[in-house]
Amino acid sequence: MTNHVADRADGTSGPGASSDGEAIASADRVAARIRELILEGELAPGSRLREAQLATLFTISRNTLREGLRLLVTEGLVHQELHRGAVVATIDAARVRDIYRVRRVIEPQALAASALRDDARLEALESAVSAVELAAAQKRWRDVGTASLRFHQALVSLLDSPLCDDFFRRLGAMLRLAWGAVGDEAEFERPWPQRDRELYELIRRGRIDHAQGVLAVYLDDSERLVLAALRAARGPLD
């Protein structure tokens, strides 16, 4: 874990919480912070989550940390292993296929909703795709992956559904774990800035039918590459 993992994960003034409601809120914030670290590629599959270290870094009690980790276990982002404790999950081929199955439901609906977008949502998409391109220009390939995931989060936000936004944040973290098998990160990430830009430009011009076709191929290609990376790393897939 890098130094910026030490960012505060909760908004309390000291370790623990003074009521059940505050404890739940603190656990949610801990889970959200760890989820973001996974999405950003800071916590790789198989990483051990050491309670004492994380509790100190987040300035929270170990009980609150454990509650946050339990939330992540229910999301499939963390596993509890005998003699090791909490460990960042490793994603298998079946889960990868399921992730893309869900993406093929949500993201086309978001594209359809883009016809009713407001300027603020379009600006958020533009900002997100620009971040992808900037990271690629600077050859920060891990950041390219993070920025591309945020671009697709911005796309899903066109649905104007807090529940979908929350669900897709969790899905994005899981997808990032699936990329853990990728050997050459630069090779894997290099095509996506241009393809994210293409998708954005179609949305901006209102060419939604064309965008739907582009998105379908995009998701097919992305799934194929992730599964190929898993196959190369782990052998034949189920």
C-alpha atoms as a PDB file:
ATOM      1  CA  MET A   1       0.000   0.000   0.000  1.00  0.00           C
ATOM      2  CA  THR A   2       1.263   3.458  -0.838  1.00  0.00           C
ATOM      3  CA  ASN A   3       1.478   6.381   1.564  1.00  0.00           C
ATOM      4  CA  HIS A   4      -1.758   8.014   0.494  1.00  0.00           C
ATOM      5  CA  VAL A   5      -3.632   4.985   1.862  1.00  0.00           C
ATOM      6  CA  ALA A   6      -3.344   6.889   5.141  1.00  0.00           C
ATOM      7  CA  ASP A   7      -6.176   9.236   4.154  1.00  0.00           C
ATOM      8  CA  ARG A   8      -8.894   9.356   6.804  1.00  0.00           C
ATOM      9  CA  ALA A   9     -11.609   6.815   6.040  1.00  0.00           C
ATOM     10  CA  ASP A  10     -14.239   8.199   8.372  1.00  0.00           C
ATOM     11  CA  GLY A  11     -15.388  11.549   9.606  1.00  0.00           C
ATOM     12  CA  THR A  12     -15.355  10.841  13.329  1.00  0.00           C
ATOM     13  CA  SER A  13     -13.186  12.768  15.741  1.00  0.00           C
ATOM     14  CA  GLY A  14     -11.636   9.661  17.294  1.00  0.00           C
ATOM     15  CA  PRO A  15     -11.510   5.887  17.155  1.00  0.00           C
ATOM     16  CA  GLY A  16     -14.817   4.090  17.223  1.00  0.00           C
ATOM     17  CA  ALA A  17     -18.256   5.698  17.166  1.00  0.00           C
ATOM     18  CA  SER A  18     -20.612   6.930  19.828  1.00  0.00           C
ATOM     19  CA  SER A  19     -23.790   5.209  18.596  1.00  0.00           C
ATOM     20  CA  ASP A  20     -24.902   2.267  16.488  1.00  0.00           C
ATOM     21  CA  GLY A  21     -25.885   4.640  13.675  1.00  0.00           C
ATOM     22  CA  GLU A  22     -22.488   6.315  13.694  1.00  0.00           C
ATOM     23  CA  ALA A  23     -20.752   2.933  13.815  1.00  0.00           C
ATOM     24  CA  ILE A  24     -22.637   1.783  10.715  1.00  0.00           C
ATOM     25  CA  ALA A  25     -21.809   5.031   8.934  1.00  0.00           C
ATOM     26  CA  SER A  26     -18.139   4.660   9.863  1.00  0.00           C
ATOM     27  CA  ALA A  27     -18.069   1.066   8.613  1.00  0.00           C
ATOM     28  CA  ASP A  28     -19.624   2.208   5.343  1.00  0.00           C
ATOM     29  CA  ARG A  29     -16.935   4.860   4.952  1.00  0.00           C
ATOM     30  CA  VAL A  30     -14.175   2.353   5.693  1.00  0.00           C
ATOM     31  CA  ALA A  31     -15.603  -0.006   3.079  1.00  0.00           C
ATOM     32  CA  ALA A  32     -15.889   2.847   0.568  1.00  0.00           C
ATOM     33  CA  ARG A  33     -12.267   3.882   1.100  1.00  0.00           C
ATOM     34  CA  ILE A  34     -10.918   0.348   0.711  1.00  0.00           C
ATOM     35  CA  ARG A  35     -13.169  -0.151  -2.318  1.00  0.00           C
ATOM     36  CA  GLU A  36     -11.660   2.957  -3.893  1.00  0.00           C
ATOM     37  CA  LEU A  37      -8.138   1.691  -3.215  1.00  0.00           C
ATOM     38  CA  ILE A  38      -9.057  -1.510  -5.028  1.00  0.00           C
ATOM     39  CA  LEU A  39     -10.540   0.403  -7.958  1.00  0.00           C
ATOM     40  CA  GLU A  40      -7.399   2.565  -8.157  1.00  0.00           C
ATOM     41  CA  GLY A  41      -5.192  -0.521  -8.303  1.00  0.00           C
ATOM     42  CA  GLU A  42      -3.565   0.211  -4.950  1.00  0.00           C
ATOM     43  CA  LEU A  43      -4.711  -3.102  -3.469  1.00  0.00           C
ATOM     44  CA  ALA A  44      -4.029  -6.068  -5.722  1.00  0.00           C
ATOM     45  CA  PRO A  45      -5.751  -9.460  -5.615  1.00  0.00           C
ATOM     46  CA  GLY A  46      -4.369 -11.559  -2.777  1.00  0.00           C
ATOM     47  CA  SER A  47      -3.181  -8.551  -0.757  1.00  0.00           C
ATOM     48  CA  ARG A  48      -3.458  -9.165   2.965  1.00  0.00           C
ATOM     49  CA  LEU A  49      -5.449  -6.492   4.811  1.00  0.00           C
ATOM     50  CA  ARG A  50      -3.675  -6.164   8.148  1.00  0.00           C
ATOM     51  CA  GLU A  51      -6.089  -4.906  10.771  1.00  0.00           C
ATOM     52  CA  ALA A  52      -3.594  -3.111  12.987  1.00  0.00           C
ATOM     53  CA  GLN A  53      -2.012  -1.256  10.075  1.00  0.00           C
ATOM     54  CA  LEU A  54      -5.307  -0.210   8.481  1.00  0.00           C
ATOM     55  CA  ALA A  55      -6.872   0.831  11.795  1.00  0.00           C
ATOM     56  CA  THR A  56      -3.880   3.085  12.461  1.00  0.00           C
ATOM     57  CA  LEU A  57      -3.818   4.521   8.945  1.00  0.00           C
ATOM     58  CA  PHE A  58      -7.544   5.260   8.933  1.00  0.00           C
ATOM     59  CA  THR A  59      -7.558   6.420  12.591  1.00  0.00           C
ATOM     60  CA  ILE A  60     -10.408   4.112  13.529  1.00  0.00           C
ATOM     61  CA  SER A  61     -10.992   1.287  15.956  1.00  0.00           C
ATOM     62  CA  ARG A  62     -10.307  -2.277  14.875  1.00  0.00           C
ATOM     63  CA  ASN A  63     -13.962  -3.112  15.530  1.00  0.00           C
ATOM     64  CA  THR A  64     -15.048  -0.454  13.028  1.00  0.00           C
ATOM     65  CA  LEU A  65     -12.496  -1.732  10.536  1.00  0.00           C
ATOM     66  CA  ARG A  66     -13.804  -5.279  10.909  1.00  0.00           C
ATOM     67  CA  GLU A  67     -17.348  -4.110  10.234  1.00  0.00           C
ATOM     68  CA  GLY A  68     -16.145  -2.385   7.077  1.00  0.00           C
ATOM     69  CA  LEU A  69     -14.312  -5.513   5.972  1.00  0.00           C
ATOM     70  CA  ARG A  70     -17.438  -7.596   6.547  1.00  0.00           C
ATOM     71  CA  LEU A  71     -19.300  -5.335   4.123  1.00  0.00           C
ATOM     72  CA  LEU A  72     -16.609  -5.926   1.513  1.00  0.00           C
ATOM     73  CA  VAL A  73     -16.829  -9.688   2.073  1.00  0.00           C
ATOM     74  CA  THR A  74     -20.547  -9.556   1.221  1.00  0.00           C
ATOM     75  CA  GLU A  75     -19.644  -7.679  -1.993  1.00  0.00           C
ATOM     76  CA  GLY A  76     -17.127 -10.319  -3.034  1.00  0.00           C
ATOM     77  CA  LEU A  77     -14.185  -7.897  -2.874  1.00  0.00           C
ATOM     78  CA  VAL A  78     -12.561  -9.395   0.230  1.00  0.00           C
ATOM     79  CA  HIS A  79     -12.250 -12.969   1.520  1.00  0.00           C
ATOM     80  CA  GLN A  80     -11.583 -14.190   5.029  1.00  0.00           C
ATOM     81  CA  GLU A  81      -8.868 -16.879   4.945  1.00  0.00           C
ATOM     82  CA  LEU A  82      -7.763 -19.214   7.706  1.00  0.00           C
ATOM     83  CA  HIS A  83      -4.499 -18.040   9.340  1.00  0.00           C
ATOM     84  CA  ARG A  84      -4.331 -14.992   7.029  1.00  0.00           C
ATOM     85  CA  GLY A  85      -7.422 -12.986   7.941  1.00  0.00           C
ATOM     86  CA  ALA A  86      -8.892 -10.567   5.415  1.00  0.00           C
ATOM     87  CA  VAL A  87      -7.455 -10.822   1.909  1.00  0.00           C
ATOM     88  CA  VAL A  88      -8.360  -8.932  -1.270  1.00  0.00           C
ATOM     89  CA  ALA A  89     -10.326 -11.275  -3.513  1.00  0.00           C
ATOM     90  CA  THR A  90      -9.039 -12.957  -6.652  1.00  0.00           C
ATOM     91  CA  ILE A  91     -11.574 -12.962  -9.478  1.00  0.00           C
ATOM     92  CA  ASP A  92     -12.131 -16.087 -11.568  1.00  0.00           C
ATOM     93  CA  ALA A  93     -13.379 -16.495 -15.136  1.00  0.00           C
ATOM     94  CA  ALA A  94     -16.975 -17.175 -14.091  1.00  0.00           C
ATOM     95  CA  ARG A  95     -17.081 -13.905 -12.176  1.00  0.00           C
ATOM     96  CA  VAL A  96     -15.518 -12.030 -15.107  1.00  0.00           C
ATOM     97  CA  ARG A  97     -18.242 -13.315 -17.419  1.00  0.00           C
ATOM     98  CA  ASP A  98     -20.873 -12.299 -14.886  1.00  0.00           C
ATOM     99  CA  ILE A  99     -19.398  -8.794 -14.572  1.00  0.00           C
ATOM    100  CA  TYR A 100     -19.666  -8.303 -18.323  1.00  0.00           C
ATOM    101  CA  ARG A 101     -23.155  -9.791 -18.375  1.00  0.00           C
ATOM    102  CA  VAL A 102     -24.208  -7.082 -15.949  1.00  0.00           C
ATOM    103  CA  ARG A 103     -22.353  -4.363 -17.850  1.00  0.00           C
ATOM    104  CA  ARG A 104     -24.264  -5.319 -21.003  1.00  0.00           C
ATOM    105  CA  VAL A 105     -27.489  -4.641 -19.123  1.00  0.00           C
ATOM    106  CA  ILE A 106     -26.600  -1.372 -17.405  1.00  0.00           C
ATOM    107  CA  GLU A 107     -24.383   0.545 -19.821  1.00  0.00           C
ATOM    108  CA  PRO A 108     -26.638   0.342 -22.903  1.00  0.00           C
ATOM    109  CA  GLN A 109     -29.487   1.675 -20.772  1.00  0.00           C
ATOM    110  CA  ALA A 110     -27.238   4.540 -19.709  1.00  0.00           C
ATOM    111  CA  LEU A 111     -26.504   5.278 -23.365  1.00  0.00           C
ATOM    112  CA  ALA A 112     -30.228   5.369 -24.107  1.00  0.00           C
ATOM    113  CA  ALA A 113     -30.683   7.797 -21.209  1.00  0.00           C
ATOM    114  CA  SER A 114     -27.935  10.042 -22.602  1.00  0.00           C
ATOM    115  CA  ALA A 115     -30.484  11.519 -25.030  1.00  0.00           C
ATOM    116  CA  LEU A 116     -31.952  13.298 -21.983  1.00  0.00           C
ATOM    117  CA  ARG A 117     -28.623  14.322 -20.484  1.00  0.00           C
ATOM    118  CA  ASP A 118     -28.001  17.780 -19.056  1.00  0.00           C
ATOM    119  CA  ASP A 119     -24.880  19.862 -19.648  1.00  0.00           C
ATOM    120  CA  ALA A 120     -23.396  18.989 -16.245  1.00  0.00           C
ATOM    121  CA  ARG A 121     -23.518  15.258 -16.986  1.00  0.00           C
ATOM    122  CA  LEU A 122     -21.938  15.779 -20.389  1.00  0.00           C
ATOM    123  CA  GLU A 123     -19.187  17.878 -18.803  1.00  0.00           C
ATOM    124  CA  ALA A 124     -18.538  15.063 -16.308  1.00  0.00           C
ATOM    125  CA  LEU A 125     -18.138  12.628 -19.203  1.00  0.00           C
ATOM    126  CA  GLU A 126     -15.793  15.025 -21.013  1.00  0.00           C
ATOM    127  CA  SER A 127     -13.705  15.476 -17.873  1.00  0.00           C
ATOM    128  CA  ALA A 128     -13.517  11.730 -17.355  1.00  0.00           C
ATOM    129  CA  VAL A 129     -12.428  10.909 -20.898  1.00  0.00           C
ATOM    130  CA  SER A 130      -9.865  13.724 -20.807  1.00  0.00           C
ATOM    131  CA  ALA A 131      -8.390  12.171 -17.654  1.00  0.00           C
ATOM    132  CA  VAL A 132      -8.044   8.859 -19.524  1.00  0.00           C
ATOM    133  CA  GLU A 133      -6.198  10.578 -22.362  1.00  0.00           C
ATOM    134  CA  LEU A 134      -3.921  12.561 -20.050  1.00  0.00           C
ATOM    135  CA  ALA A 135      -2.868   9.458 -18.148  1.00  0.00           C
ATOM    136  CA  ALA A 136      -2.151   7.667 -21.447  1.00  0.00           C
ATOM    137  CA  ALA A 137      -0.099  10.598 -22.757  1.00  0.00           C
ATOM    138  CA  GLN A 138       1.995  10.428 -19.589  1.00  0.00           C
ATOM    139  CA  LYS A 139       2.212   6.624 -19.819  1.00  0.00           C
ATOM    140  CA  ARG A 140       0.651   6.185 -16.400  1.00  0.00           C
ATOM    141  CA  TRP A 141      -1.008   2.938 -17.416  1.00  0.00           C
ATOM    142  CA  ARG A 142      -2.497   2.010 -14.069  1.00  0.00           C
ATOM    143  CA  ASP A 143      -4.091   5.464 -13.930  1.00  0.00           C
ATOM    144  CA  VAL A 144      -5.446   4.926 -17.447  1.00  0.00           C
ATOM    145  CA  GLY A 145      -7.363   1.940 -16.110  1.00  0.00           C
ATOM    146  CA  THR A 146      -8.675   3.924 -13.153  1.00  0.00           C
ATOM    147  CA  ALA A 147      -9.720   6.865 -15.330  1.00  0.00           C
ATOM    148  CA  SER A 148     -11.452   4.572 -17.821  1.00  0.00           C
ATOM    149  CA  LEU A 149     -13.441   2.962 -15.015  1.00  0.00           C
ATOM    150  CA  ARG A 150     -14.449   6.435 -13.842  1.00  0.00           C
ATOM    151  CA  PHE A 151     -15.515   7.317 -17.385  1.00  0.00           C
ATOM    152  CA  HIS A 152     -17.862   4.347 -17.384  1.00  0.00           C
ATOM    153  CA  GLN A 153     -19.099   5.334 -13.928  1.00  0.00           C
ATOM    154  CA  ALA A 154     -19.911   8.765 -15.371  1.00  0.00           C
ATOM    155  CA  LEU A 155     -21.731   7.034 -18.220  1.00  0.00           C
ATOM    156  CA  VAL A 156     -23.852   5.024 -15.782  1.00  0.00           C
ATOM    157  CA  SER A 157     -24.631   8.226 -13.849  1.00  0.00           C
ATOM    158  CA  LEU A 158     -26.673   9.311 -16.883  1.00  0.00           C
ATOM    159  CA  LEU A 159     -29.355   6.971 -15.544  1.00  0.00           C
ATOM    160  CA  ASP A 160     -29.797   9.398 -12.636  1.00  0.00           C
ATOM    161  CA  SER A 161     -30.075   6.435 -10.271  1.00  0.00           C
ATOM    162  CA  PRO A 162     -28.151   6.507  -6.981  1.00  0.00           C
ATOM    163  CA  LEU A 163     -28.700   2.761  -6.633  1.00  0.00           C
ATOM    164  CA  CYS A 164     -27.157   2.084 -10.042  1.00  0.00           C
ATOM    165  CA  ASP A 165     -24.280   4.439  -9.258  1.00  0.00           C
ATOM    166  CA  ASP A 166     -23.559   2.612  -6.001  1.00  0.00           C
ATOM    167  CA  PHE A 167     -23.837  -0.800  -7.630  1.00  0.00           C
ATOM    168  CA  PHE A 168     -21.541   0.160 -10.503  1.00  0.00           C
ATOM    169  CA  ARG A 169     -18.882   1.490  -8.113  1.00  0.00           C
ATOM    170  CA  ARG A 170     -18.762  -1.971  -6.568  1.00  0.00           C
ATOM    171  CA  LEU A 171     -18.746  -3.608  -9.980  1.00  0.00           C
ATOM    172  CA  GLY A 172     -15.862  -1.354 -11.071  1.00  0.00           C
ATOM    173  CA  ALA A 173     -13.763  -2.428  -8.093  1.00  0.00           C
ATOM    174  CA  MET A 174     -14.454  -6.055  -8.920  1.00  0.00           C
ATOM    175  CA  LEU A 175     -13.493  -5.462 -12.545  1.00  0.00           C
ATOM    176  CA  ARG A 176     -10.212  -3.905 -11.420  1.00  0.00           C
ATOM    177  CA  LEU A 177      -9.449  -7.089  -9.505  1.00  0.00           C
ATOM    178  CA  ALA A 178     -10.103  -9.089 -12.670  1.00  0.00           C
ATOM    179  CA  TRP A 179      -7.338  -7.061 -14.319  1.00  0.00           C
ATOM    180  CA  GLY A 180      -4.933  -8.398 -11.699  1.00  0.00           C
ATOM    181  CA  ALA A 181      -4.003 -11.211 -14.067  1.00  0.00           C
ATOM    182  CA  VAL A 182      -2.855  -8.796 -16.776  1.00  0.00           C
ATOM    183  CA  GLY A 183       0.859  -9.156 -17.405  1.00  0.00           C
ATOM    184  CA  ASP A 184       1.670  -6.176 -19.638  1.00  0.00           C
ATOM    185  CA  GLU A 185      -0.410  -3.303 -18.287  1.00  0.00           C
ATOM    186  CA  ALA A 186       0.673  -0.866 -20.999  1.00  0.00           C
ATOM    187  CA  GLU A 187      -0.311  -3.290 -23.755  1.00  0.00           C
ATOM    188  CA  PHE A 188      -3.646  -3.976 -22.086  1.00  0.00           C
ATOM    189  CA  GLU A 189      -4.584  -0.329 -21.466  1.00  0.00           C
ATOM    190  CA  ARG A 190      -3.254   1.277 -24.660  1.00  0.00           C
ATOM    191  CA  PRO A 191      -6.397   0.817 -26.849  1.00  0.00           C
ATOM    192  CA  TRP A 192      -8.970   2.183 -24.422  1.00  0.00           C
ATOM    193  CA  PRO A 193      -8.340   5.959 -24.387  1.00  0.00           C
ATOM    194  CA  GLN A 194      -9.163   6.225 -28.094  1.00  0.00           C
ATOM    195  CA  ARG A 195     -12.182   3.976 -27.711  1.00  0.00           C
ATOM    196  CA  ASP A 196     -13.481   5.889 -24.695  1.00  0.00           C
ATOM    197  CA  ARG A 197     -13.100   9.110 -26.709  1.00  0.00           C
ATOM    198  CA  GLU A 198     -15.004   7.588 -29.640  1.00  0.00           C
ATOM    199  CA  LEU A 199     -17.850   6.613 -27.352  1.00  0.00           C
ATOM    200  CA  TYR A 200     -17.947  10.048 -25.751  1.00  0.00           C
ATOM    201  CA  GLU A 201     -18.014  11.848 -29.108  1.00  0.00           C
ATOM    202  CA  LEU A 202     -20.946   9.745 -30.280  1.00  0.00           C
ATOM    203  CA  ILE A 203     -22.824  10.616 -27.087  1.00  0.00           C
ATOM    204  CA  ARG A 204     -21.999  14.308 -27.473  1.00  0.00           C
ATOM    205  CA  ARG A 205     -23.308  14.317 -31.049  1.00  0.00           C
ATOM    206  CA  GLY A 206     -26.461  12.448 -30.084  1.00  0.00           C
ATOM    207  CA  ARG A 207     -25.635   9.433 -32.273  1.00  0.00           C
ATOM    208  CA  ILE A 208     -26.963   6.979 -29.734  1.00  0.00           C
ATOM    209  CA  ASP A 209     -27.781   4.086 -32.089  1.00  0.00           C
ATOM    210  CA  HIS A 210     -24.220   4.151 -33.402  1.00  0.00           C
ATOM    211  CA  ALA A 211     -22.893   4.419 -29.855  1.00  0.00           C
ATOM    212  CA  GLN A 212     -24.831   1.297 -28.859  1.00  0.00           C
ATOM    213  CA  GLY A 213     -23.040  -0.727 -31.521  1.00  0.00           C
ATOM    214  CA  VAL A 214     -19.661   0.701 -30.554  1.00  0.00           C
ATOM    215  CA  LEU A 215     -20.317  -0.098 -26.891  1.00  0.00           C
ATOM    216  CA  ALA A 216     -21.323  -3.680 -27.684  1.00  0.00           C
ATOM    217  CA  VAL A 217     -18.038  -4.307 -29.517  1.00  0.00           C
ATOM    218  CA  TYR A 218     -16.123  -2.472 -26.768  1.00  0.00           C
ATOM    219  CA  LEU A 219     -17.505  -4.758 -24.065  1.00  0.00           C
ATOM    220  CA  ASP A 220     -16.951  -7.887 -26.155  1.00  0.00           C
ATOM    221  CA  ASP A 221     -13.313  -6.933 -26.778  1.00  0.00           C
ATOM    222  CA  SER A 222     -12.712  -5.981 -23.152  1.00  0.00           C
ATOM    223  CA  GLU A 223     -14.124  -9.265 -21.844  1.00  0.00           C
ATOM    224  CA  ARG A 224     -12.102 -11.243 -24.361  1.00  0.00           C
ATOM    225  CA  LEU A 225      -8.850  -9.546 -23.306  1.00  0.00           C
ATOM    226  CA  VAL A 226      -9.501 -10.017 -19.601  1.00  0.00           C
ATOM    227  CA  LEU A 227     -10.292 -13.708 -20.096  1.00  0.00           C
ATOM    228  CA  ALA A 228      -7.186 -14.101 -22.263  1.00  0.00           C
ATOM    229  CA  ALA A 229      -5.083 -12.585 -19.469  1.00  0.00           C
ATOM    230  CA  LEU A 230      -6.626 -15.000 -16.968  1.00  0.00           C
ATOM    231  CA  ARG A 231      -5.937 -17.906 -19.296  1.00  0.00           C
ATOM    232  CA  ALA A 232      -2.311 -16.861 -19.741  1.00  0.00           C
ATOM    233  CA  ALA A 233      -1.820 -16.494 -15.990  1.00  0.00           C
ATOM    234  CA  ARG A 234      -3.740 -19.504 -14.718  1.00  0.00           C
ATOM    235  CA  GLY A 235      -4.133 -21.965 -17.562  1.00  0.00           C
ATOM    236  CA  PRO A 236      -7.342 -23.268 -19.198  1.00  0.00           C
ATOM    237  CA  LEU A 237     -10.565 -21.689 -17.953  1.00  0.00           C
ATOM    238  CA  ASP A 238     -13.803 -23.399 -17.000  1.00  0.00           C
END
